[in-house]
Amino acid sequence: MPFVNRTILVTGASSGIGRAVARKLLSEGHHVLGVSRDADRFQTSMPNFTAVQMDLSHLTGLADQATQLSKDYPEIDAAVFCAGAGRFGSLEEFSFAAIEALMTVNFTGQAFVTRALLPGLKKQARGDLIFIGSEAALKGSRKGAVYCASKFAVRGFTQALREECSKSRVRIALINPGMVNTPFFETLSFEPGGEAGQVIEPEDVADAVIYILHSNANIVVDEINLSPLNKVVKFKKS
């Protein structure tokens, strides 16, 4: 596909997958709106980068903030949702507030921002909404009831939204990676293996995003599942 300079919003741009996606898009010359809870965590002197401070875990005011963002940048024609959090344990180990918090950052906040952007996206010559899901969206697992629910929600959301947008020029795609080498695991009791082939790198996910954006505008890449060649899970010593 011939190069088209685009304006792309990336959530979770301060670290991990989001930062890798933002860097890849910037290297291609796109204008990136990098969304994070703390805009100071990812700064670059590149003129095509704009830091945006927005916290998807706090719904109060999020709709107004996202709507204002779409008005300030009506040229936005794509968004990549990378923000998310991980917490695992049996359902009874979760407080009611913890259940709500995980669902909010992994699903509801993303739905709010999507709702705010969608009318503007439908006015563009082409539009893309790319969601970073998880292998946890494909199969429930022990100690993952709430986390899996949040990712299943994203998967169902994208499937339904794809149908709703089928008569527009907006494409909806979902990428489901396995364990990725990011700070996601710093507070968890397990982590992926550290050798090549045992873990997905953030740049691998970024490459999948680029593949979707570069694909023929007349097709939709519905879903991509990424797995390491040799899945290894290491449990940390307590």
C-alpha atoms as a PDB file:
ATOM      1  CA  MET A   1       0.000   0.000   0.000  1.00  0.00           C
ATOM      2  CA  PRO A   2       1.304   3.521  -0.748  1.00  0.00           C
ATOM      3  CA  PHE A   3       2.296   5.465   2.349  1.00  0.00           C
ATOM      4  CA  VAL A   4      -0.416   7.615   3.875  1.00  0.00           C
ATOM      5  CA  ASN A   5       0.446   9.908   6.763  1.00  0.00           C
ATOM      6  CA  ARG A   6      -2.106   9.317   9.498  1.00  0.00           C
ATOM      7  CA  THR A   7      -3.006  10.698  12.913  1.00  0.00           C
ATOM      8  CA  ILE A   8      -3.128   7.812  15.365  1.00  0.00           C
ATOM      9  CA  LEU A   9      -4.070   7.753  19.033  1.00  0.00           C
ATOM     10  CA  VAL A  10      -2.179   5.182  21.125  1.00  0.00           C
ATOM     11  CA  THR A  11      -3.254   4.449  24.697  1.00  0.00           C
ATOM     12  CA  GLY A  12      -0.773   3.107  27.229  1.00  0.00           C
ATOM     13  CA  ALA A  13       1.999   4.865  25.309  1.00  0.00           C
ATOM     14  CA  SER A  14       4.290   5.342  28.308  1.00  0.00           C
ATOM     15  CA  SER A  15       5.530   1.749  28.504  1.00  0.00           C
ATOM     16  CA  GLY A  16       5.419  -1.793  27.169  1.00  0.00           C
ATOM     17  CA  ILE A  17       3.393  -2.552  24.073  1.00  0.00           C
ATOM     18  CA  GLY A  18       2.023   0.981  23.826  1.00  0.00           C
ATOM     19  CA  ARG A  19       5.478   2.529  23.761  1.00  0.00           C
ATOM     20  CA  ALA A  20       6.697   0.045  21.149  1.00  0.00           C
ATOM     21  CA  VAL A  21       3.646   0.787  18.975  1.00  0.00           C
ATOM     22  CA  ALA A  22       4.115   4.550  19.356  1.00  0.00           C
ATOM     23  CA  ARG A  23       7.805   4.329  18.450  1.00  0.00           C
ATOM     24  CA  LYS A  24       7.082   2.199  15.388  1.00  0.00           C
ATOM     25  CA  LEU A  25       4.387   4.574  14.153  1.00  0.00           C
ATOM     26  CA  LEU A  26       6.609   7.604  14.736  1.00  0.00           C
ATOM     27  CA  SER A  27       9.422   5.959  12.780  1.00  0.00           C
ATOM     28  CA  GLU A  28       7.016   5.649   9.854  1.00  0.00           C
ATOM     29  CA  GLY A  29       6.207   9.344   9.970  1.00  0.00           C
ATOM     30  CA  HIS A  30       2.698   9.213  11.418  1.00  0.00           C
ATOM     31  CA  HIS A  31       1.422  11.785  13.899  1.00  0.00           C
ATOM     32  CA  VAL A  32       1.013   9.958  17.202  1.00  0.00           C
ATOM     33  CA  LEU A  33      -1.142  11.116  20.099  1.00  0.00           C
ATOM     34  CA  GLY A  34       0.426   9.188  22.972  1.00  0.00           C
ATOM     35  CA  VAL A  35      -2.074   8.708  25.795  1.00  0.00           C
ATOM     36  CA  SER A  36      -0.894   7.803  29.293  1.00  0.00           C
ATOM     37  CA  ARG A  37      -1.779   8.464  32.921  1.00  0.00           C
ATOM     38  CA  ASP A  38       1.427  10.482  33.283  1.00  0.00           C
ATOM     39  CA  ALA A  39       2.329  12.304  30.083  1.00  0.00           C
ATOM     40  CA  ASP A  40       5.844  13.022  31.396  1.00  0.00           C
ATOM     41  CA  ARG A  41       6.769   9.316  31.298  1.00  0.00           C
ATOM     42  CA  PHE A  42       7.127   9.280  27.524  1.00  0.00           C
ATOM     43  CA  GLN A  43       8.434  12.381  25.808  1.00  0.00           C
ATOM     44  CA  THR A  44      10.171  12.752  22.482  1.00  0.00           C
ATOM     45  CA  SER A  45      11.438  15.711  20.533  1.00  0.00           C
ATOM     46  CA  MET A  46       9.909  14.359  17.336  1.00  0.00           C
ATOM     47  CA  PRO A  47       7.527  17.028  15.972  1.00  0.00           C
ATOM     48  CA  ASN A  48       4.903  14.451  15.058  1.00  0.00           C
ATOM     49  CA  PHE A  49       4.374  13.320  18.662  1.00  0.00           C
ATOM     50  CA  THR A  50       1.808  14.800  21.056  1.00  0.00           C
ATOM     51  CA  ALA A  51       1.648  13.641  24.669  1.00  0.00           C
ATOM     52  CA  VAL A  52      -1.871  13.363  26.072  1.00  0.00           C
ATOM     53  CA  GLN A  53      -2.554  12.818  29.772  1.00  0.00           C
ATOM     54  CA  MET A  54      -5.675  10.711  30.227  1.00  0.00           C
ATOM     55  CA  ASP A  55      -6.417   7.930  32.699  1.00  0.00           C
ATOM     56  CA  LEU A  56      -8.698   5.192  31.386  1.00  0.00           C
ATOM     57  CA  SER A  57      -9.104   3.816  34.896  1.00  0.00           C
ATOM     58  CA  HIS A  58     -11.096   6.870  36.039  1.00  0.00           C
ATOM     59  CA  LEU A  59     -14.434   7.080  34.260  1.00  0.00           C
ATOM     60  CA  THR A  60     -15.463  10.370  35.862  1.00  0.00           C
ATOM     61  CA  GLY A  61     -14.769  12.981  33.231  1.00  0.00           C
ATOM     62  CA  LEU A  62     -13.296  10.476  30.767  1.00  0.00           C
ATOM     63  CA  ALA A  63     -16.148  10.794  28.272  1.00  0.00           C
ATOM     64  CA  ASP A  64     -15.849  14.598  28.219  1.00  0.00           C
ATOM     65  CA  GLN A  65     -12.068  14.447  27.946  1.00  0.00           C
ATOM     66  CA  ALA A  66     -12.156  11.942  25.081  1.00  0.00           C
ATOM     67  CA  THR A  67     -14.877  13.889  23.275  1.00  0.00           C
ATOM     68  CA  GLN A  68     -12.854  17.080  23.593  1.00  0.00           C
ATOM     69  CA  LEU A  69      -9.790  15.272  22.259  1.00  0.00           C
ATOM     70  CA  SER A  70     -11.730  14.227  19.153  1.00  0.00           C
ATOM     71  CA  LYS A  71     -12.758  17.868  18.644  1.00  0.00           C
ATOM     72  CA  ASP A  72      -9.218  19.170  19.144  1.00  0.00           C
ATOM     73  CA  TYR A  73      -7.833  16.594  16.688  1.00  0.00           C
ATOM     74  CA  PRO A  74     -10.581  15.959  14.104  1.00  0.00           C
ATOM     75  CA  GLU A  75      -7.941  14.431  11.832  1.00  0.00           C
ATOM     76  CA  ILE A  76      -7.636  11.321  14.055  1.00  0.00           C
ATOM     77  CA  ASP A  77      -8.213   8.370  11.735  1.00  0.00           C
ATOM     78  CA  ALA A  78      -6.944   5.467  13.848  1.00  0.00           C
ATOM     79  CA  ALA A  79      -6.551   4.369  17.456  1.00  0.00           C
ATOM     80  CA  VAL A  80      -4.564   1.558  19.043  1.00  0.00           C
ATOM     81  CA  PHE A  81      -5.731   0.551  22.520  1.00  0.00           C
ATOM     82  CA  CYS A  82      -2.744  -0.787  24.452  1.00  0.00           C
ATOM     83  CA  ALA A  83      -3.547   0.383  27.993  1.00  0.00           C
ATOM     84  CA  GLY A  84      -4.369  -2.366  30.433  1.00  0.00           C
ATOM     85  CA  ALA A  85      -3.592  -3.977  33.753  1.00  0.00           C
ATOM     86  CA  GLY A  86      -3.101  -7.494  35.053  1.00  0.00           C
ATOM     87  CA  ARG A  87      -4.272  -8.969  38.313  1.00  0.00           C
ATOM     88  CA  PHE A  88      -4.799 -12.647  39.011  1.00  0.00           C
ATOM     89  CA  GLY A  89      -6.303 -14.706  41.813  1.00  0.00           C
ATOM     90  CA  SER A  90      -9.437 -16.605  42.653  1.00  0.00           C
ATOM     91  CA  LEU A  91     -12.630 -14.558  42.566  1.00  0.00           C
ATOM     92  CA  GLU A  92     -12.835 -14.558  46.374  1.00  0.00           C
ATOM     93  CA  GLU A  93      -9.388 -12.949  46.551  1.00  0.00           C
ATOM     94  CA  PHE A  94     -10.778  -9.893  44.721  1.00  0.00           C
ATOM     95  CA  SER A  95     -12.547  -7.139  46.596  1.00  0.00           C
ATOM     96  CA  PHE A  96     -15.616  -5.687  44.905  1.00  0.00           C
ATOM     97  CA  ALA A  97     -13.631  -2.527  44.178  1.00  0.00           C
ATOM     98  CA  ALA A  98     -10.798  -4.550  42.619  1.00  0.00           C
ATOM     99  CA  ILE A  99     -13.231  -6.293  40.248  1.00  0.00           C
ATOM    100  CA  GLU A 100     -14.608  -2.936  39.135  1.00  0.00           C
ATOM    101  CA  ALA A 101     -11.136  -1.408  38.737  1.00  0.00           C
ATOM    102  CA  LEU A 102      -9.811  -4.202  36.506  1.00  0.00           C
ATOM    103  CA  MET A 103     -12.899  -4.217  34.296  1.00  0.00           C
ATOM    104  CA  THR A 104     -12.728  -0.430  34.006  1.00  0.00           C
ATOM    105  CA  VAL A 105      -9.143  -0.146  32.794  1.00  0.00           C
ATOM    106  CA  ASN A 106      -9.217  -3.254  30.587  1.00  0.00           C
ATOM    107  CA  PHE A 107     -12.633  -2.711  29.013  1.00  0.00           C
ATOM    108  CA  THR A 108     -14.995   0.083  30.062  1.00  0.00           C
ATOM    109  CA  GLY A 109     -12.480   2.909  29.693  1.00  0.00           C
ATOM    110  CA  GLN A 110     -11.616   1.712  26.206  1.00  0.00           C
ATOM    111  CA  ALA A 111     -15.312   1.557  25.295  1.00  0.00           C
ATOM    112  CA  PHE A 112     -15.735   5.163  26.488  1.00  0.00           C
ATOM    113  CA  VAL A 113     -12.876   6.436  24.330  1.00  0.00           C
ATOM    114  CA  THR A 114     -14.071   4.418  21.338  1.00  0.00           C
ATOM    115  CA  ARG A 115     -17.569   5.886  21.710  1.00  0.00           C
ATOM    116  CA  ALA A 116     -16.094   9.399  21.705  1.00  0.00           C
ATOM    117  CA  LEU A 117     -13.887   8.812  18.644  1.00  0.00           C
ATOM    118  CA  LEU A 118     -16.249   6.798  16.471  1.00  0.00           C
ATOM    119  CA  PRO A 119     -18.386   9.613  14.974  1.00  0.00           C
ATOM    120  CA  GLY A 120     -15.239  11.413  13.800  1.00  0.00           C
ATOM    121  CA  LEU A 121     -13.638   8.237  12.498  1.00  0.00           C
ATOM    122  CA  LYS A 122     -16.677   7.538  10.329  1.00  0.00           C
ATOM    123  CA  LYS A 123     -16.106  10.862   8.562  1.00  0.00           C
ATOM    124  CA  GLN A 124     -12.587   9.900   7.492  1.00  0.00           C
ATOM    125  CA  ALA A 125     -11.637   8.362   4.166  1.00  0.00           C
ATOM    126  CA  ARG A 126     -10.496   5.364   6.179  1.00  0.00           C
ATOM    127  CA  GLY A 127     -10.383   4.553   9.866  1.00  0.00           C
ATOM    128  CA  ASP A 128      -8.902   1.841  12.076  1.00  0.00           C
ATOM    129  CA  LEU A 129      -9.581   0.795  15.642  1.00  0.00           C
ATOM    130  CA  ILE A 130      -7.050  -1.771  16.860  1.00  0.00           C
ATOM    131  CA  PHE A 131      -7.422  -3.366  20.282  1.00  0.00           C
ATOM    132  CA  ILE A 132      -4.693  -5.267  22.114  1.00  0.00           C
ATOM    133  CA  GLY A 133      -6.475  -8.192  23.712  1.00  0.00           C
ATOM    134  CA  SER A 134      -4.830 -11.276  25.169  1.00  0.00           C
ATOM    135  CA  GLU A 135      -4.615 -15.021  24.909  1.00  0.00           C
ATOM    136  CA  ALA A 136      -6.831 -14.803  28.010  1.00  0.00           C
ATOM    137  CA  ALA A 137      -9.641 -13.727  25.660  1.00  0.00           C
ATOM    138  CA  LEU A 138      -9.550 -17.143  24.010  1.00  0.00           C
ATOM    139  CA  LYS A 139      -9.848 -19.470  26.988  1.00  0.00           C
ATOM    140  CA  GLY A 140     -10.633 -19.018  30.677  1.00  0.00           C
ATOM    141  CA  SER A 141      -7.961 -20.111  33.115  1.00  0.00           C
ATOM    142  CA  ARG A 142      -7.651 -20.795  36.835  1.00  0.00           C
ATOM    143  CA  LYS A 143      -6.937 -17.666  38.900  1.00  0.00           C
ATOM    144  CA  GLY A 144      -7.999 -15.585  35.908  1.00  0.00           C
ATOM    145  CA  ALA A 145     -11.773 -15.198  36.293  1.00  0.00           C
ATOM    146  CA  VAL A 146     -11.811 -11.404  36.386  1.00  0.00           C
ATOM    147  CA  TYR A 147      -8.870 -10.813  34.038  1.00  0.00           C
ATOM    148  CA  CYS A 148     -10.229 -13.260  31.471  1.00  0.00           C
ATOM    149  CA  ALA A 149     -13.662 -11.653  31.774  1.00  0.00           C
ATOM    150  CA  SER A 150     -12.185  -8.256  30.972  1.00  0.00           C
ATOM    151  CA  LYS A 151     -10.427  -9.608  27.885  1.00  0.00           C
ATOM    152  CA  PHE A 152     -13.417 -11.665  26.763  1.00  0.00           C
ATOM    153  CA  ALA A 153     -15.368  -8.412  26.993  1.00  0.00           C
ATOM    154  CA  VAL A 154     -12.922  -6.685  24.652  1.00  0.00           C
ATOM    155  CA  ARG A 155     -13.154  -9.570  22.193  1.00  0.00           C
ATOM    156  CA  GLY A 156     -16.959  -9.554  22.179  1.00  0.00           C
ATOM    157  CA  PHE A 157     -16.915  -5.763  21.889  1.00  0.00           C
ATOM    158  CA  THR A 158     -14.699  -5.848  18.793  1.00  0.00           C
ATOM    159  CA  GLN A 159     -16.748  -8.571  17.131  1.00  0.00           C
ATOM    160  CA  ALA A 160     -19.990  -6.664  17.601  1.00  0.00           C
ATOM    161  CA  LEU A 161     -18.456  -3.296  16.727  1.00  0.00           C
ATOM    162  CA  ARG A 162     -17.036  -4.778  13.518  1.00  0.00           C
ATOM    163  CA  GLU A 163     -20.571  -5.629  12.429  1.00  0.00           C
ATOM    164  CA  GLU A 164     -21.867  -2.197  13.425  1.00  0.00           C
ATOM    165  CA  CYS A 165     -19.148  -0.465  11.371  1.00  0.00           C
ATOM    166  CA  SER A 166     -19.306  -2.771   8.355  1.00  0.00           C
ATOM    167  CA  LYS A 167     -21.046  -0.187   6.157  1.00  0.00           C
ATOM    168  CA  SER A 168     -18.547   2.535   7.026  1.00  0.00           C
ATOM    169  CA  ARG A 169     -14.831   2.835   6.226  1.00  0.00           C
ATOM    170  CA  VAL A 170     -13.894   2.010   9.832  1.00  0.00           C
ATOM    171  CA  ARG A 171     -12.147  -1.321  10.371  1.00  0.00           C
ATOM    172  CA  ILE A 172     -12.021  -3.088  13.737  1.00  0.00           C
ATOM    173  CA  ALA A 173      -9.140  -5.439  14.555  1.00  0.00           C
ATOM    174  CA  LEU A 174      -8.051  -7.387  17.619  1.00  0.00           C
ATOM    175  CA  ILE A 175      -4.568  -8.669  18.463  1.00  0.00           C
ATOM    176  CA  ASN A 176      -4.353 -11.395  21.117  1.00  0.00           C
ATOM    177  CA  PRO A 177      -0.757 -11.854  22.290  1.00  0.00           C
ATOM    178  CA  GLY A 178       0.477 -14.412  24.745  1.00  0.00           C
ATOM    179  CA  MET A 179       2.991 -13.316  27.379  1.00  0.00           C
ATOM    180  CA  VAL A 180       4.917 -10.234  26.277  1.00  0.00           C
ATOM    181  CA  ASN A 181       8.227  -9.060  27.712  1.00  0.00           C
ATOM    182  CA  THR A 182       6.975  -5.893  29.456  1.00  0.00           C
ATOM    183  CA  PRO A 183       6.677  -4.455  32.995  1.00  0.00           C
ATOM    184  CA  PHE A 184       3.200  -6.080  33.097  1.00  0.00           C
ATOM    185  CA  PHE A 185       4.677  -8.954  35.127  1.00  0.00           C
ATOM    186  CA  GLU A 186       6.559  -6.868  37.700  1.00  0.00           C
ATOM    187  CA  THR A 187       3.799  -7.156  40.314  1.00  0.00           C
ATOM    188  CA  LEU A 188       2.655 -10.667  39.402  1.00  0.00           C
ATOM    189  CA  SER A 189       3.745 -14.020  40.833  1.00  0.00           C
ATOM    190  CA  PHE A 190       4.760 -15.394  37.437  1.00  0.00           C
ATOM    191  CA  GLU A 191       6.565 -14.282  34.299  1.00  0.00           C
ATOM    192  CA  PRO A 192       7.515 -15.627  30.880  1.00  0.00           C
ATOM    193  CA  GLY A 193      10.767 -17.380  30.155  1.00  0.00           C
ATOM    194  CA  GLY A 194      13.665 -15.089  29.378  1.00  0.00           C
ATOM    195  CA  GLU A 195      15.194 -16.877  26.413  1.00  0.00           C
ATOM    196  CA  ALA A 196      14.514 -16.234  22.742  1.00  0.00           C
ATOM    197  CA  GLY A 197      11.435 -18.104  21.608  1.00  0.00           C
ATOM    198  CA  GLN A 198       9.939 -18.215  25.114  1.00  0.00           C
ATOM    199  CA  VAL A 199       8.373 -14.753  25.134  1.00  0.00           C
ATOM    200  CA  ILE A 200       6.857 -12.254  22.725  1.00  0.00           C
ATOM    201  CA  GLU A 201       8.636  -8.915  22.417  1.00  0.00           C
ATOM    202  CA  PRO A 202       6.635  -5.645  22.369  1.00  0.00           C
ATOM    203  CA  GLU A 203       8.045  -4.946  18.919  1.00  0.00           C
ATOM    204  CA  ASP A 204       6.400  -8.163  17.663  1.00  0.00           C
ATOM    205  CA  VAL A 205       3.003  -6.771  18.653  1.00  0.00           C
ATOM    206  CA  ALA A 206       3.891  -3.418  17.107  1.00  0.00           C
ATOM    207  CA  ASP A 207       4.713  -5.216  13.844  1.00  0.00           C
ATOM    208  CA  ALA A 208       1.242  -6.795  13.898  1.00  0.00           C
ATOM    209  CA  VAL A 209      -0.286  -3.328  14.322  1.00  0.00           C
ATOM    210  CA  ILE A 210       1.689  -2.065  11.328  1.00  0.00           C
ATOM    211  CA  TYR A 211       0.560  -5.077   9.273  1.00  0.00           C
ATOM    212  CA  ILE A 212      -3.079  -4.226   9.978  1.00  0.00           C
ATOM    213  CA  LEU A 213      -2.639  -0.538   9.175  1.00  0.00           C
ATOM    214  CA  HIS A 214      -0.836  -1.323   5.918  1.00  0.00           C
ATOM    215  CA  SER A 215      -3.359  -3.912   4.758  1.00  0.00           C
ATOM    216  CA  ASN A 216      -5.691  -3.258   1.838  1.00  0.00           C
ATOM    217  CA  ALA A 217      -8.348  -0.760   2.943  1.00  0.00           C
ATOM    218  CA  ASN A 218     -11.008  -3.002   1.386  1.00  0.00           C
ATOM    219  CA  ILE A 219     -10.330  -5.917   3.726  1.00  0.00           C
ATOM    220  CA  VAL A 220     -10.562  -6.337   7.493  1.00  0.00           C
ATOM    221  CA  VAL A 221      -7.988  -8.217   9.537  1.00  0.00           C
ATOM    222  CA  ASP A 222     -10.440  -9.463  12.142  1.00  0.00           C
ATOM    223  CA  GLU A 223      -8.119 -11.044  14.672  1.00  0.00           C
ATOM    224  CA  ILE A 224      -4.470 -11.985  15.088  1.00  0.00           C
ATOM    225  CA  ASN A 225      -3.268 -14.435  17.751  1.00  0.00           C
ATOM    226  CA  LEU A 226       0.419 -14.261  18.704  1.00  0.00           C
ATOM    227  CA  SER A 227       2.261 -16.920  20.693  1.00  0.00           C
ATOM    228  CA  PRO A 228       5.918 -17.513  21.531  1.00  0.00           C
ATOM    229  CA  LEU A 229       7.477 -20.446  19.752  1.00  0.00           C
ATOM    230  CA  ASN A 230       8.023 -22.216  23.077  1.00  0.00           C
ATOM    231  CA  LYS A 231       5.724 -21.073  25.865  1.00  0.00           C
ATOM    232  CA  VAL A 232       7.475 -21.064  29.236  1.00  0.00           C
ATOM    233  CA  VAL A 233       5.947 -19.796  32.482  1.00  0.00           C
ATOM    234  CA  LYS A 234       8.238 -19.151  35.445  1.00  0.00           C
ATOM    235  CA  PHE A 235       6.834 -18.769  38.951  1.00  0.00           C
ATOM    236  CA  LYS A 236       8.663 -16.332  41.205  1.00  0.00           C
ATOM    237  CA  LYS A 237       9.852 -17.362  44.637  1.00  0.00           C
ATOM    238  CA  SER A 238       7.766 -15.797  47.394  1.00  0.00           C
END
